[in-house]
Amino acid sequence: MATIVDSNDAPTVPRGRPKSGRVWKPTQTSRHSSVVDMKPLRSSWKKKQEERARLQLIKQLDREAKDERNQQKAAKRKREEENKRRREENEKKSQVVQKITRIATIKKMKKNKKMHKKLQVR
């Protein structure tokens, strides 16, 4: 059996090809059951309070930013509605109006779809 000598002069047996054919997998150095579980680190009461305060501050800042966005949206919506209303008023003012005195003409216009649109009650 051939041995390979490492830098620390300890003879080691060369690793053979695994039976499964998975040559890329590392060899098992220790059993899973021998791994000692570490107890989770417990944070102090002071650290918990600081973390809670930090999270509350973040939430408050988030709430304020959301409120500001909502206010901006509401203001924009209000401006758009006002502009639309003003535009419609200006259109009505600029329309050329012809007074029709004959009732028969009005009845004819109501029957015709194109003319019906022109009949607007002010």
PDB file of N, CA and C in Angstrom:
ATOM      1  N   MET A   1       0.835  -1.158   0.000  1.00  0.00           N
ATOM      2  CA  MET A   1       0.000   0.000   0.000  1.00  0.00           C
ATOM      3  C   MET A   1       0.890   1.234   0.000  1.00  0.00           C
ATOM      4  N   ALA A   2       0.562   2.188  -0.889  1.00  0.00           N
ATOM      5  CA  ALA A   2       1.379   3.390  -1.035  1.00  0.00           C
ATOM      6  C   ALA A   2       0.933   4.425  -0.031  1.00  0.00           C
ATOM      7  N   THR A   3       1.890   5.134   0.489  1.00  0.00           N
ATOM      8  CA  THR A   3       1.561   6.193   1.448  1.00  0.00           C
ATOM      9  C   THR A   3       2.111   7.514   0.936  1.00  0.00           C
ATOM     10  N   ILE A   4       1.418   8.570   1.292  1.00  0.00           N
ATOM     11  CA  ILE A   4       1.856   9.911   0.903  1.00  0.00           C
ATOM     12  C   ILE A   4       2.316  10.614   2.157  1.00  0.00           C
ATOM     13  N   VAL A   5       3.431  11.306   2.070  1.00  0.00           N
ATOM     14  CA  VAL A   5       3.985  11.981   3.235  1.00  0.00           C
ATOM     15  C   VAL A   5       3.599  13.460   3.170  1.00  0.00           C
ATOM     16  N   ASP A   6       2.959  13.960   4.258  1.00  0.00           N
ATOM     17  CA  ASP A   6       2.576  15.370   4.342  1.00  0.00           C
ATOM     18  C   ASP A   6       3.727  16.183   4.897  1.00  0.00           C
ATOM     19  N   SER A   7       3.448  17.473   5.086  1.00  0.00           N
ATOM     20  CA  SER A   7       4.478  18.373   5.600  1.00  0.00           C
ATOM     21  C   SER A   7       4.838  18.047   7.047  1.00  0.00           C
ATOM     22  N   ASN A   8       3.889  17.459   7.791  1.00  0.00           N
ATOM     23  CA  ASN A   8       4.184  17.140   9.183  1.00  0.00           C
ATOM     24  C   ASN A   8       4.762  15.731   9.328  1.00  0.00           C
ATOM     25  N   ASP A   9       5.160  15.122   8.247  1.00  0.00           N
ATOM     26  CA  ASP A   9       5.824  13.823   8.202  1.00  0.00           C
ATOM     27  C   ASP A   9       4.987  12.690   8.783  1.00  0.00           C
ATOM     28  N   ALA A  10       3.671  12.791   8.752  1.00  0.00           N
ATOM     29  CA  ALA A  10       2.809  11.711   9.207  1.00  0.00           C
ATOM     30  C   ALA A  10       2.295  10.982   7.973  1.00  0.00           C
ATOM     31  N   PRO A  11       2.510   9.686   7.890  1.00  0.00           N
ATOM     32  CA  PRO A  11       2.052   8.958   6.703  1.00  0.00           C
ATOM     33  C   PRO A  11       0.519   8.879   6.673  1.00  0.00           C
ATOM     34  N   THR A  12      -0.066   9.165   5.517  1.00  0.00           N
ATOM     35  CA  THR A  12      -1.524   9.095   5.367  1.00  0.00           C
ATOM     36  C   THR A  12      -1.853   8.202   4.190  1.00  0.00           C
ATOM     37  N   VAL A  13      -2.993   7.602   4.283  1.00  0.00           N
ATOM     38  CA  VAL A  13      -3.454   6.726   3.213  1.00  0.00           C
ATOM     39  C   VAL A  13      -4.168   7.586   2.172  1.00  0.00           C
ATOM     40  N   PRO A  14      -3.852   7.430   0.891  1.00  0.00           N
ATOM     41  CA  PRO A  14      -4.532   8.251  -0.117  1.00  0.00           C
ATOM     42  C   PRO A  14      -6.028   7.922  -0.175  1.00  0.00           C
ATOM     43  N   ARG A  15      -6.789   8.900  -0.469  1.00  0.00           N
ATOM     44  CA  ARG A  15      -8.239   8.729  -0.525  1.00  0.00           C
ATOM     45  C   ARG A  15      -8.597   8.022  -1.817  1.00  0.00           C
ATOM     46  N   GLY A  16      -9.379   6.981  -1.698  1.00  0.00           N
ATOM     47  CA  GLY A  16      -9.802   6.232  -2.878  1.00  0.00           C
ATOM     48  C   GLY A  16     -11.095   6.809  -3.456  1.00  0.00           C
ATOM     49  N   ARG A  17     -11.539   6.213  -4.533  1.00  0.00           N
ATOM     50  CA  ARG A  17     -12.777   6.667  -5.178  1.00  0.00           C
ATOM     51  C   ARG A  17     -13.955   6.153  -4.358  1.00  0.00           C
ATOM     52  N   PRO A  18     -14.924   7.056  -3.998  1.00  0.00           N
ATOM     53  CA  PRO A  18     -16.062   6.609  -3.206  1.00  0.00           C
ATOM     54  C   PRO A  18     -16.950   5.646  -3.998  1.00  0.00           C
ATOM     55  N   LYS A  19     -17.623   4.778  -3.276  1.00  0.00           N
ATOM     56  CA  LYS A  19     -18.464   3.770  -3.900  1.00  0.00           C
ATOM     57  C   LYS A  19     -19.639   4.409  -4.645  1.00  0.00           C
ATOM     58  N   SER A  20     -20.137   5.537  -4.111  1.00  0.00           N
ATOM     59  CA  SER A  20     -21.283   6.199  -4.735  1.00  0.00           C
ATOM     60  C   SER A  20     -20.887   6.907  -6.026  1.00  0.00           C
ATOM     61  N   GLY A  21     -19.609   7.185  -6.225  1.00  0.00           N
ATOM     62  CA  GLY A  21     -19.154   7.872  -7.411  1.00  0.00           C
ATOM     63  C   GLY A  21     -19.163   9.386  -7.267  1.00  0.00           C
ATOM     64  N   ARG A  22     -19.538   9.863  -6.097  1.00  0.00           N
ATOM     65  CA  ARG A  22     -19.594  11.308  -5.884  1.00  0.00           C
ATOM     66  C   ARG A  22     -18.245  11.784  -5.340  1.00  0.00           C
ATOM     67  N   VAL A  23     -17.349  12.020  -6.255  1.00  0.00           N
ATOM     68  CA  VAL A  23     -15.980  12.358  -5.855  1.00  0.00           C
ATOM     69  C   VAL A  23     -15.880  13.791  -5.333  1.00  0.00           C
ATOM     70  N   TRP A  24     -16.857  14.628  -5.651  1.00  0.00           N
ATOM     71  CA  TRP A  24     -16.790  16.030  -5.235  1.00  0.00           C
ATOM     72  C   TRP A  24     -17.194  16.237  -3.784  1.00  0.00           C
ATOM     73  N   LYS A  25     -17.822  15.208  -3.180  1.00  0.00           N
ATOM     74  CA  LYS A  25     -18.283  15.376  -1.808  1.00  0.00           C
ATOM     75  C   LYS A  25     -17.119  15.195  -0.834  1.00  0.00           C
ATOM     76  N   PRO A  26     -17.060  16.052   0.203  1.00  0.00           N
ATOM     77  CA  PRO A  26     -15.964  15.922   1.174  1.00  0.00           C
ATOM     78  C   PRO A  26     -16.182  14.699   2.069  1.00  0.00           C
ATOM     79  N   THR A  27     -15.095  14.223   2.611  1.00  0.00           N
ATOM     80  CA  THR A  27     -15.193  13.070   3.509  1.00  0.00           C
ATOM     81  C   THR A  27     -15.679  13.543   4.876  1.00  0.00           C
ATOM     82  N   GLN A  28     -16.345  12.655   5.578  1.00  0.00           N
ATOM     83  CA  GLN A  28     -16.883  12.993   6.893  1.00  0.00           C
ATOM     84  C   GLN A  28     -15.756  12.929   7.914  1.00  0.00           C
ATOM     85  N   THR A  29     -15.521  14.060   8.587  1.00  0.00           N
ATOM     86  CA  THR A  29     -14.431  14.097   9.573  1.00  0.00           C
ATOM     87  C   THR A  29     -14.928  13.758  10.968  1.00  0.00           C
ATOM     88  N   SER A  30     -16.160  14.184  11.288  1.00  0.00           N
ATOM     89  CA  SER A  30     -16.694  13.845  12.611  1.00  0.00           C
ATOM     90  C   SER A  30     -18.170  13.518  12.484  1.00  0.00           C
ATOM     91  N   ARG A  31     -18.661  12.745  13.406  1.00  0.00           N
ATOM     92  CA  ARG A  31     -20.074  12.360  13.408  1.00  0.00           C
ATOM     93  C   ARG A  31     -20.954  13.553  13.768  1.00  0.00           C
ATOM     94  N   HIS A  32     -22.144  13.558  13.240  1.00  0.00           N
ATOM     95  CA  HIS A  32     -23.074  14.637  13.535  1.00  0.00           C
ATOM     96  C   HIS A  32     -23.456  14.639  15.019  1.00  0.00           C
ATOM     97  N   SER A  33     -23.549  13.466  15.601  1.00  0.00           N
ATOM     98  CA  SER A  33     -23.949  13.365  17.005  1.00  0.00           C
ATOM     99  C   SER A  33     -22.874  13.904  17.941  1.00  0.00           C
ATOM    100  N   SER A  34     -21.637  13.986  17.463  1.00  0.00           N
ATOM    101  CA  SER A  34     -20.562  14.456  18.329  1.00  0.00           C
ATOM    102  C   SER A  34     -20.466  15.975  18.357  1.00  0.00           C
ATOM    103  N   VAL A  35     -21.220  16.665  17.481  1.00  0.00           N
ATOM    104  CA  VAL A  35     -21.186  18.128  17.461  1.00  0.00           C
ATOM    105  C   VAL A  35     -21.936  18.643  18.682  1.00  0.00           C
ATOM    106  N   VAL A  36     -21.287  19.502  19.454  1.00  0.00           N
ATOM    107  CA  VAL A  36     -21.874  20.023  20.677  1.00  0.00           C
ATOM    108  C   VAL A  36     -22.730  21.224  20.326  1.00  0.00           C
ATOM    109  N   ASP A  37     -23.981  21.226  20.817  1.00  0.00           N
ATOM    110  CA  ASP A  37     -24.866  22.350  20.570  1.00  0.00           C
ATOM    111  C   ASP A  37     -24.460  23.521  21.449  1.00  0.00           C
ATOM    112  N   MET A  38     -24.453  24.708  20.840  1.00  0.00           N
ATOM    113  CA  MET A  38     -24.166  25.914  21.589  1.00  0.00           C
ATOM    114  C   MET A  38     -25.497  26.497  22.059  1.00  0.00           C
ATOM    115  N   LYS A  39     -25.512  26.942  23.293  1.00  0.00           N
ATOM    116  CA  LYS A  39     -26.726  27.572  23.799  1.00  0.00           C
ATOM    117  C   LYS A  39     -26.876  28.924  23.114  1.00  0.00           C
ATOM    118  N   PRO A  40     -28.117  29.303  22.787  1.00  0.00           N
ATOM    119  CA  PRO A  40     -28.299  30.594  22.114  1.00  0.00           C
ATOM    120  C   PRO A  40     -27.912  31.741  23.037  1.00  0.00           C
ATOM    121  N   LEU A  41     -27.360  32.773  22.433  1.00  0.00           N
ATOM    122  CA  LEU A  41     -26.948  33.929  23.225  1.00  0.00           C
ATOM    123  C   LEU A  41     -28.195  34.692  23.656  1.00  0.00           C
ATOM    124  N   ARG A  42     -28.246  35.043  24.908  1.00  0.00           N
ATOM    125  CA  ARG A  42     -29.381  35.789  25.422  1.00  0.00           C
ATOM    126  C   ARG A  42     -29.004  37.263  25.477  1.00  0.00           C
ATOM    127  N   SER A  43     -29.899  38.077  24.910  1.00  0.00           N
ATOM    128  CA  SER A  43     -29.620  39.505  24.942  1.00  0.00           C
ATOM    129  C   SER A  43     -30.123  40.086  26.264  1.00  0.00           C
ATOM    130  N   SER A  44     -29.489  41.151  26.679  1.00  0.00           N
ATOM    131  CA  SER A  44     -29.853  41.763  27.961  1.00  0.00           C
ATOM    132  C   SER A  44     -31.131  42.579  27.783  1.00  0.00           C
ATOM    133  N   TRP A  45     -31.744  42.917  28.921  1.00  0.00           N
ATOM    134  CA  TRP A  45     -32.987  43.697  28.915  1.00  0.00           C
ATOM    135  C   TRP A  45     -32.749  45.069  28.273  1.00  0.00           C
ATOM    136  N   LYS A  46     -31.598  45.652  28.536  1.00  0.00           N
ATOM    137  CA  LYS A  46     -31.272  46.960  27.981  1.00  0.00           C
ATOM    138  C   LYS A  46     -31.212  46.898  26.454  1.00  0.00           C
ATOM    139  N   LYS A  47     -30.568  45.844  25.944  1.00  0.00           N
ATOM    140  CA  LYS A  47     -30.474  45.699  24.483  1.00  0.00           C
ATOM    141  C   LYS A  47     -31.850  45.483  23.868  1.00  0.00           C
ATOM    142  N   LYS A  48     -32.692  44.712  24.552  1.00  0.00           N
ATOM    143  CA  LYS A  48     -34.048  44.491  24.049  1.00  0.00           C
ATOM    144  C   LYS A  48     -34.817  45.801  23.974  1.00  0.00           C
ATOM    145  N   GLN A  49     -34.683  46.626  25.028  1.00  0.00           N
ATOM    146  CA  GLN A  49     -35.367  47.913  25.052  1.00  0.00           C
ATOM    147  C   GLN A  49     -34.853  48.838  23.949  1.00  0.00           C
ATOM    148  N   GLU A  50     -33.550  48.844  23.729  1.00  0.00           N
ATOM    149  CA  GLU A  50     -32.967  49.672  22.665  1.00  0.00           C
ATOM    150  C   GLU A  50     -33.468  49.228  21.296  1.00  0.00           C
ATOM    151  N   GLU A  51     -33.523  47.934  21.089  1.00  0.00           N
ATOM    152  CA  GLU A  51     -34.006  47.386  19.808  1.00  0.00           C
ATOM    153  C   GLU A  51     -35.473  47.742  19.599  1.00  0.00           C
ATOM    154  N   ARG A  52     -36.275  47.619  20.664  1.00  0.00           N
ATOM    155  CA  ARG A  52     -37.698  47.959  20.582  1.00  0.00           C
ATOM    156  C   ARG A  52     -37.877  49.446  20.248  1.00  0.00           C
ATOM    157  N   ALA A  53     -37.089  50.298  20.891  1.00  0.00           N
ATOM    158  CA  ALA A  53     -37.169  51.740  20.638  1.00  0.00           C
ATOM    159  C   ALA A  53     -36.759  52.057  19.203  1.00  0.00           C
ATOM    160  N   ARG A  54     -35.725  51.368  18.725  1.00  0.00           N
ATOM    161  CA  ARG A  54     -35.258  51.581  17.352  1.00  0.00           C
ATOM    162  C   ARG A  54     -36.347  51.187  16.351  1.00  0.00           C
ATOM    163  N   LEU A  55     -36.995  50.052  16.585  1.00  0.00           N
ATOM    164  CA  LEU A  55     -38.053  49.592  15.691  1.00  0.00           C
ATOM    165  C   LEU A  55     -39.251  50.545  15.715  1.00  0.00           C
ATOM    166  N   GLN A  56     -39.596  51.049  16.908  1.00  0.00           N
ATOM    167  CA  GLN A  56     -40.703  52.002  17.002  1.00  0.00           C
ATOM    168  C   GLN A  56     -40.395  53.289  16.246  1.00  0.00           C
ATOM    169  N   LEU A  57     -39.140  53.740  16.327  1.00  0.00           N
ATOM    170  CA  LEU A  57     -38.734  54.937  15.603  1.00  0.00           C
ATOM    171  C   LEU A  57     -38.847  54.719  14.094  1.00  0.00           C
ATOM    172  N   ILE A  58     -38.416  53.553  13.638  1.00  0.00           N
ATOM    173  CA  ILE A  58     -38.500  53.231  12.210  1.00  0.00           C
ATOM    174  C   ILE A  58     -39.955  53.211  11.759  1.00  0.00           C
ATOM    175  N   LYS A  59     -40.820  52.580  12.558  1.00  0.00           N
ATOM    176  CA  LYS A  59     -42.244  52.525  12.213  1.00  0.00           C
ATOM    177  C   LYS A  59     -42.859  53.921  12.181  1.00  0.00           C
ATOM    178  N   GLN A  60     -42.483  54.757  13.148  1.00  0.00           N
ATOM    179  CA  GLN A  60     -43.029  56.111  13.202  1.00  0.00           C
ATOM    180  C   GLN A  60     -42.597  56.903  11.965  1.00  0.00           C
ATOM    181  N   LEU A  61     -41.324  56.800  11.604  1.00  0.00           N
ATOM    182  CA  LEU A  61     -40.839  57.501  10.410  1.00  0.00           C
ATOM    183  C   LEU A  61     -41.553  57.007   9.159  1.00  0.00           C
ATOM    184  N   ASP A  62     -41.785  55.704   9.098  1.00  0.00           N
ATOM    185  CA  ASP A  62     -42.492  55.116   7.961  1.00  0.00           C
ATOM    186  C   ASP A  62     -43.927  55.644   7.894  1.00  0.00           C
ATOM    187  N   ARG A  63     -44.593  55.710   9.071  1.00  0.00           N
ATOM    188  CA  ARG A  63     -45.961  56.225   9.123  1.00  0.00           C
ATOM    189  C   ARG A  63     -46.013  57.676   8.664  1.00  0.00           C
ATOM    190  N   GLU A  64     -45.053  58.488   9.139  1.00  0.00           N
ATOM    191  CA  GLU A  64     -45.025  59.903   8.758  1.00  0.00           C
ATOM    192  C   GLU A  64     -44.821  60.065   7.256  1.00  0.00           C
ATOM    193  N   ALA A  65     -43.920  59.258   6.694  1.00  0.00           N
ATOM    194  CA  ALA A  65     -43.670  59.338   5.253  1.00  0.00           C
ATOM    195  C   ALA A  65     -44.920  58.936   4.475  1.00  0.00           C
ATOM    196  N   LYS A  66     -45.616  57.898   4.955  1.00  0.00           N
ATOM    197  CA  LYS A  66     -46.837  57.451   4.283  1.00  0.00           C
ATOM    198  C   LYS A  66     -47.924  58.512   4.359  1.00  0.00           C
ATOM    199  N   ASP A  67     -48.069  59.155   5.530  1.00  0.00           N
ATOM    200  CA  ASP A  67     -49.059  60.227   5.681  1.00  0.00           C
ATOM    201  C   ASP A  67     -48.751  61.391   4.740  1.00  0.00           C
ATOM    202  N   GLU A  68     -47.480  61.737   4.656  1.00  0.00           N
ATOM    203  CA  GLU A  68     -47.087  62.838   3.767  1.00  0.00           C
ATOM    204  C   GLU A  68     -47.410  62.504   2.307  1.00  0.00           C
ATOM    205  N   ARG A  69     -47.128  61.273   1.900  1.00  0.00           N
ATOM    206  CA  ARG A  69     -47.450  60.852   0.524  1.00  0.00           C
ATOM    207  C   ARG A  69     -48.957  60.932   0.278  1.00  0.00           C
ATOM    208  N   ASN A  70     -49.747  60.476   1.268  1.00  0.00           N
ATOM    209  CA  ASN A  70     -51.202  60.518   1.123  1.00  0.00           C
ATOM    210  C   ASN A  70     -51.702  61.959   1.011  1.00  0.00           C
ATOM    211  N   GLN A  71     -51.130  62.857   1.805  1.00  0.00           N
ATOM    212  CA  GLN A  71     -51.525  64.258   1.733  1.00  0.00           C
ATOM    213  C   GLN A  71     -51.180  64.859   0.374  1.00  0.00           C
ATOM    214  N   GLN A  72     -50.003  64.514  -0.141  1.00  0.00           N
ATOM    215  CA  GLN A  72     -49.613  65.009  -1.457  1.00  0.00           C
ATOM    216  C   GLN A  72     -50.549  64.488  -2.543  1.00  0.00           C
ATOM    217  N   LYS A  73     -50.926  63.213  -2.440  1.00  0.00           N
ATOM    218  CA  LYS A  73     -51.854  62.647  -3.412  1.00  0.00           C
ATOM    219  C   LYS A  73     -53.206  63.339  -3.343  1.00  0.00           C
ATOM    220  N   ALA A  74     -53.689  63.583  -2.115  1.00  0.00           N
ATOM    221  CA  ALA A  74     -54.983  64.241  -1.953  1.00  0.00           C
ATOM    222  C   ALA A  74     -54.938  65.658  -2.520  1.00  0.00           C
ATOM    223  N   ALA A  75     -53.854  66.379  -2.260  1.00  0.00           N
ATOM    224  CA  ALA A  75     -53.719  67.741  -2.785  1.00  0.00           C
ATOM    225  C   ALA A  75     -53.684  67.729  -4.311  1.00  0.00           C
ATOM    226  N   LYS A  76     -52.956  66.773  -4.867  1.00  0.00           N
ATOM    227  CA  LYS A  76     -52.869  66.666  -6.330  1.00  0.00           C
ATOM    228  C   LYS A  76     -54.242  66.351  -6.918  1.00  0.00           C
ATOM    229  N   ARG A  77     -54.966  65.424  -6.288  1.00  0.00           N
ATOM    230  CA  ARG A  77     -56.300  65.051  -6.758  1.00  0.00           C
ATOM    231  C   ARG A  77     -57.233  66.259  -6.721  1.00  0.00           C
ATOM    232  N   LYS A  78     -57.143  67.035  -5.633  1.00  0.00           N
ATOM    233  CA  LYS A  78     -57.988  68.214  -5.487  1.00  0.00           C
ATOM    234  C   LYS A  78     -57.666  69.252  -6.567  1.00  0.00           C
ATOM    235  N   ARG A  79     -56.368  69.462  -6.816  1.00  0.00           N
ATOM    236  CA  ARG A  79     -55.954  70.402  -7.864  1.00  0.00           C
ATOM    237  C   ARG A  79     -56.483  69.975  -9.227  1.00  0.00           C
ATOM    238  N   GLU A  80     -56.363  68.668  -9.526  1.00  0.00           N
ATOM    239  CA  GLU A  80     -56.829  68.155 -10.819  1.00  0.00           C
ATOM    240  C   GLU A  80     -58.334  68.344 -10.970  1.00  0.00           C
ATOM    241  N   GLU A  81     -59.087  68.073  -9.901  1.00  0.00           N
ATOM    242  CA  GLU A  81     -60.541  68.253  -9.966  1.00  0.00           C
ATOM    243  C   GLU A  81     -60.896  69.720 -10.183  1.00  0.00           C
ATOM    244  N   GLU A  82     -60.193  70.617  -9.490  1.00  0.00           N
ATOM    245  CA  GLU A  82     -60.435  72.047  -9.645  1.00  0.00           C
ATOM    246  C   GLU A  82     -60.128  72.495 -11.079  1.00  0.00           C
ATOM    247  N   ASN A  83     -59.006  72.025 -11.626  1.00  0.00           N
ATOM    248  CA  ASN A  83     -58.637  72.378 -13.002  1.00  0.00           C
ATOM    249  C   ASN A  83     -59.669  71.853 -13.993  1.00  0.00           C
ATOM    250  N   LYS A  84     -60.145  70.631 -13.761  1.00  0.00           N
ATOM    251  CA  LYS A  84     -61.139  70.049 -14.654  1.00  0.00           C
ATOM    252  C   LYS A  84     -62.434  70.867 -14.609  1.00  0.00           C
ATOM    253  N   ARG A  85     -62.856  71.242 -13.401  1.00  0.00           N
ATOM    254  CA  ARG A  85     -64.074  72.030 -13.251  1.00  0.00           C
ATOM    255  C   ARG A  85     -63.921  73.391 -13.946  1.00  0.00           C
ATOM    256  N   ARG A  86     -62.777  74.043 -13.750  1.00  0.00           N
ATOM    257  CA  ARG A  86     -62.525  75.339 -14.363  1.00  0.00           C
ATOM    258  C   ARG A  86     -62.493  75.223 -15.889  1.00  0.00           C
ATOM    259  N   ARG A  87     -61.877  74.153 -16.391  1.00  0.00           N
ATOM    260  CA  ARG A  87     -61.800  73.928 -17.838  1.00  0.00           C
ATOM    261  C   ARG A  87     -63.197  73.767 -18.433  1.00  0.00           C
ATOM    262  N   GLU A  88     -64.048  72.976 -17.748  1.00  0.00           N
ATOM    263  CA  GLU A  88     -65.415  72.775 -18.229  1.00  0.00           C
ATOM    264  C   GLU A  88     -66.200  74.088 -18.227  1.00  0.00           C
ATOM    265  N   GLU A  89     -66.023  74.901 -17.172  1.00  0.00           N
ATOM    266  CA  GLU A  89     -66.699  76.193 -17.123  1.00  0.00           C
ATOM    267  C   GLU A  89     -66.251  77.091 -18.272  1.00  0.00           C
ATOM    268  N   ASN A  90     -64.956  77.089 -18.541  1.00  0.00           N
ATOM    269  CA  ASN A  90     -64.427  77.917 -19.635  1.00  0.00           C
ATOM    270  C   ASN A  90     -64.952  77.441 -20.990  1.00  0.00           C
ATOM    271  N   GLU A  91     -65.069  76.125 -21.165  1.00  0.00           N
ATOM    272  CA  GLU A  91     -65.626  75.600 -22.412  1.00  0.00           C
ATOM    273  C   GLU A  91     -67.070  76.071 -22.590  1.00  0.00           C
ATOM    274  N   LYS A  92     -67.843  76.005 -21.510  1.00  0.00           N
ATOM    275  CA  LYS A  92     -69.239  76.437 -21.593  1.00  0.00           C
ATOM    276  C   LYS A  92     -69.331  77.925 -21.908  1.00  0.00           C
ATOM    277  N   LYS A  93     -68.435  78.717 -21.326  1.00  0.00           N
ATOM    278  CA  LYS A  93     -68.451  80.154 -21.582  1.00  0.00           C
ATOM    279  C   LYS A  93     -68.102  80.466 -23.034  1.00  0.00           C
ATOM    280  N   SER A  94     -67.178  79.696 -23.598  1.00  0.00           N
ATOM    281  CA  SER A  94     -66.700  79.992 -24.944  1.00  0.00           C
ATOM    282  C   SER A  94     -67.599  79.421 -26.043  1.00  0.00           C
ATOM    283  N   GLN A  95     -68.597  78.661 -25.684  1.00  0.00           N
ATOM    284  CA  GLN A  95     -69.472  78.076 -26.697  1.00  0.00           C
ATOM    285  C   GLN A  95     -70.294  79.157 -27.383  1.00  0.00           C
ATOM    286  N   VAL A  96     -70.505  78.935 -28.677  1.00  0.00           N
ATOM    287  CA  VAL A  96     -71.357  79.832 -29.440  1.00  0.00           C
ATOM    288  C   VAL A  96     -72.778  79.305 -29.313  1.00  0.00           C
ATOM    289  N   VAL A  97     -73.648  80.138 -28.800  1.00  0.00           N
ATOM    290  CA  VAL A  97     -75.014  79.711 -28.524  1.00  0.00           C
ATOM    291  C   VAL A  97     -75.969  80.447 -29.467  1.00  0.00           C
ATOM    292  N   GLN A  98     -76.902  79.681 -30.015  1.00  0.00           N
ATOM    293  CA  GLN A  98     -77.910  80.279 -30.882  1.00  0.00           C
ATOM    294  C   GLN A  98     -79.271  80.014 -30.247  1.00  0.00           C
ATOM    295  N   LYS A  99     -80.009  81.052 -30.022  1.00  0.00           N
ATOM    296  CA  LYS A  99     -81.295  80.908 -29.370  1.00  0.00           C
ATOM    297  C   LYS A  99     -82.320  80.417 -30.383  1.00  0.00           C
ATOM    298  N   ILE A 100     -83.014  79.321 -30.035  1.00  0.00           N
ATOM    299  CA  ILE A 100     -84.033  78.748 -30.921  1.00  0.00           C
ATOM    300  C   ILE A 100     -85.384  79.040 -30.297  1.00  0.00           C
ATOM    301  N   THR A 101     -86.204  79.714 -31.058  1.00  0.00           N
ATOM    302  CA  THR A 101     -87.517  80.098 -30.524  1.00  0.00           C
ATOM    303  C   THR A 101     -88.608  79.126 -30.948  1.00  0.00           C
ATOM    304  N   ARG A 102     -88.430  78.474 -32.094  1.00  0.00           N
ATOM    305  CA  ARG A 102     -89.455  77.553 -32.582  1.00  0.00           C
ATOM    306  C   ARG A 102     -89.360  76.216 -31.865  1.00  0.00           C
ATOM    307  N   ILE A 103     -90.429  75.743 -31.307  1.00  0.00           N
ATOM    308  CA  ILE A 103     -90.484  74.482 -30.566  1.00  0.00           C
ATOM    309  C   ILE A 103     -90.334  73.303 -31.523  1.00  0.00           C
ATOM    310  N   ALA A 104     -90.854  73.400 -32.729  1.00  0.00           N
ATOM    311  CA  ALA A 104     -90.772  72.316 -33.719  1.00  0.00           C
ATOM    312  C   ALA A 104     -89.316  72.018 -34.065  1.00  0.00           C
ATOM    313  N   THR A 105     -88.501  73.056 -34.158  1.00  0.00           N
ATOM    314  CA  THR A 105     -87.080  72.874 -34.468  1.00  0.00           C
ATOM    315  C   THR A 105     -86.393  72.113 -33.336  1.00  0.00           C
ATOM    316  N   ILE A 106     -86.742  72.435 -32.116  1.00  0.00           N
ATOM    317  CA  ILE A 106     -86.147  71.753 -30.956  1.00  0.00           C
ATOM    318  C   ILE A 106     -86.529  70.276 -30.963  1.00  0.00           C
ATOM    319  N   LYS A 107     -87.786  69.974 -31.284  1.00  0.00           N
ATOM    320  CA  LYS A 107     -88.236  68.575 -31.329  1.00  0.00           C
ATOM    321  C   LYS A 107     -87.484  67.796 -32.392  1.00  0.00           C
ATOM    322  N   LYS A 108     -87.265  68.415 -33.554  1.00  0.00           N
ATOM    323  CA  LYS A 108     -86.511  67.757 -34.631  1.00  0.00           C
ATOM    324  C   LYS A 108     -85.076  67.478 -34.185  1.00  0.00           C
ATOM    325  N   MET A 109     -84.494  68.449 -33.499  1.00  0.00           N
ATOM    326  CA  MET A 109     -83.106  68.303 -33.056  1.00  0.00           C
ATOM    327  C   MET A 109     -82.970  67.193 -32.016  1.00  0.00           C
ATOM    328  N   LYS A 110     -83.992  67.025 -31.201  1.00  0.00           N
ATOM    329  CA  LYS A 110     -83.939  65.968 -30.189  1.00  0.00           C
ATOM    330  C   LYS A 110     -83.957  64.596 -30.818  1.00  0.00           C
ATOM    331  N   LYS A 111     -84.607  64.444 -31.948  1.00  0.00           N
ATOM    332  CA  LYS A 111     -84.688  63.148 -32.634  1.00  0.00           C
ATOM    333  C   LYS A 111     -83.347  62.788 -33.271  1.00  0.00           C
ATOM    334  N   ASN A 112     -82.652  63.770 -33.758  1.00  0.00           N
ATOM    335  CA  ASN A 112     -81.365  63.525 -34.410  1.00  0.00           C
ATOM    336  C   ASN A 112     -80.260  63.443 -33.340  1.00  0.00           C
ATOM    337  N   LYS A 113     -79.457  62.366 -33.372  1.00  0.00           N
ATOM    338  CA  LYS A 113     -78.456  62.148 -32.328  1.00  0.00           C
ATOM    339  C   LYS A 113     -77.380  63.230 -32.327  1.00  0.00           C
ATOM    340  N   LYS A 114     -76.915  63.605 -33.515  1.00  0.00           N
ATOM    341  CA  LYS A 114     -75.855  64.617 -33.597  1.00  0.00           C
ATOM    342  C   LYS A 114     -76.339  65.951 -33.055  1.00  0.00           C
ATOM    343  N   MET A 115     -77.560  66.299 -33.414  1.00  0.00           N
ATOM    344  CA  MET A 115     -78.098  67.574 -32.987  1.00  0.00           C
ATOM    345  C   MET A 115     -78.483  67.559 -31.502  1.00  0.00           C
ATOM    346  N   HIS A 116     -78.821  66.381 -31.024  1.00  0.00           N
ATOM    347  CA  HIS A 116     -79.220  66.247 -29.614  1.00  0.00           C
ATOM    348  C   HIS A 116     -78.072  66.652 -28.686  1.00  0.00           C
ATOM    349  N   LYS A 117     -76.830  66.352 -29.124  1.00  0.00           N
ATOM    350  CA  LYS A 117     -75.664  66.722 -28.319  1.00  0.00           C
ATOM    351  C   LYS A 117     -75.512  68.222 -28.231  1.00  0.00           C
ATOM    352  N   LYS A 118     -75.901  68.917 -29.300  1.00  0.00           N
ATOM    353  CA  LYS A 118     -75.766  70.373 -29.307  1.00  0.00           C
ATOM    354  C   LYS A 118     -76.785  71.043 -28.397  1.00  0.00           C
ATOM    355  N   LEU A 119     -77.884  70.344 -28.134  1.00  0.00           N
ATOM    356  CA  LEU A 119     -78.891  70.903 -27.244  1.00  0.00           C
ATOM    357  C   LEU A 119     -78.450  70.693 -25.794  1.00  0.00           C
ATOM    358  N   GLN A 120     -77.991  71.723 -25.185  1.00  0.00           N
ATOM    359  CA  GLN A 120     -77.591  71.627 -23.786  1.00  0.00           C
ATOM    360  C   GLN A 120     -78.360  72.658 -23.006  1.00  0.00           C
ATOM    361  N   VAL A 121     -78.951  72.214 -21.959  1.00  0.00           N
ATOM    362  CA  VAL A 121     -79.716  73.127 -21.130  1.00  0.00           C
ATOM    363  C   VAL A 121     -78.750  73.871 -20.232  1.00  0.00           C
ATOM    364  N   ARG A 122     -78.885  75.185 -20.215  1.00  0.00           N
ATOM    365  CA  ARG A 122     -77.986  75.992 -19.381  1.00  0.00           C
ATOM    366  C   ARG A 122     -78.642  76.367 -18.106  1.00  0.00           C
TER     367      ARG A 122
END
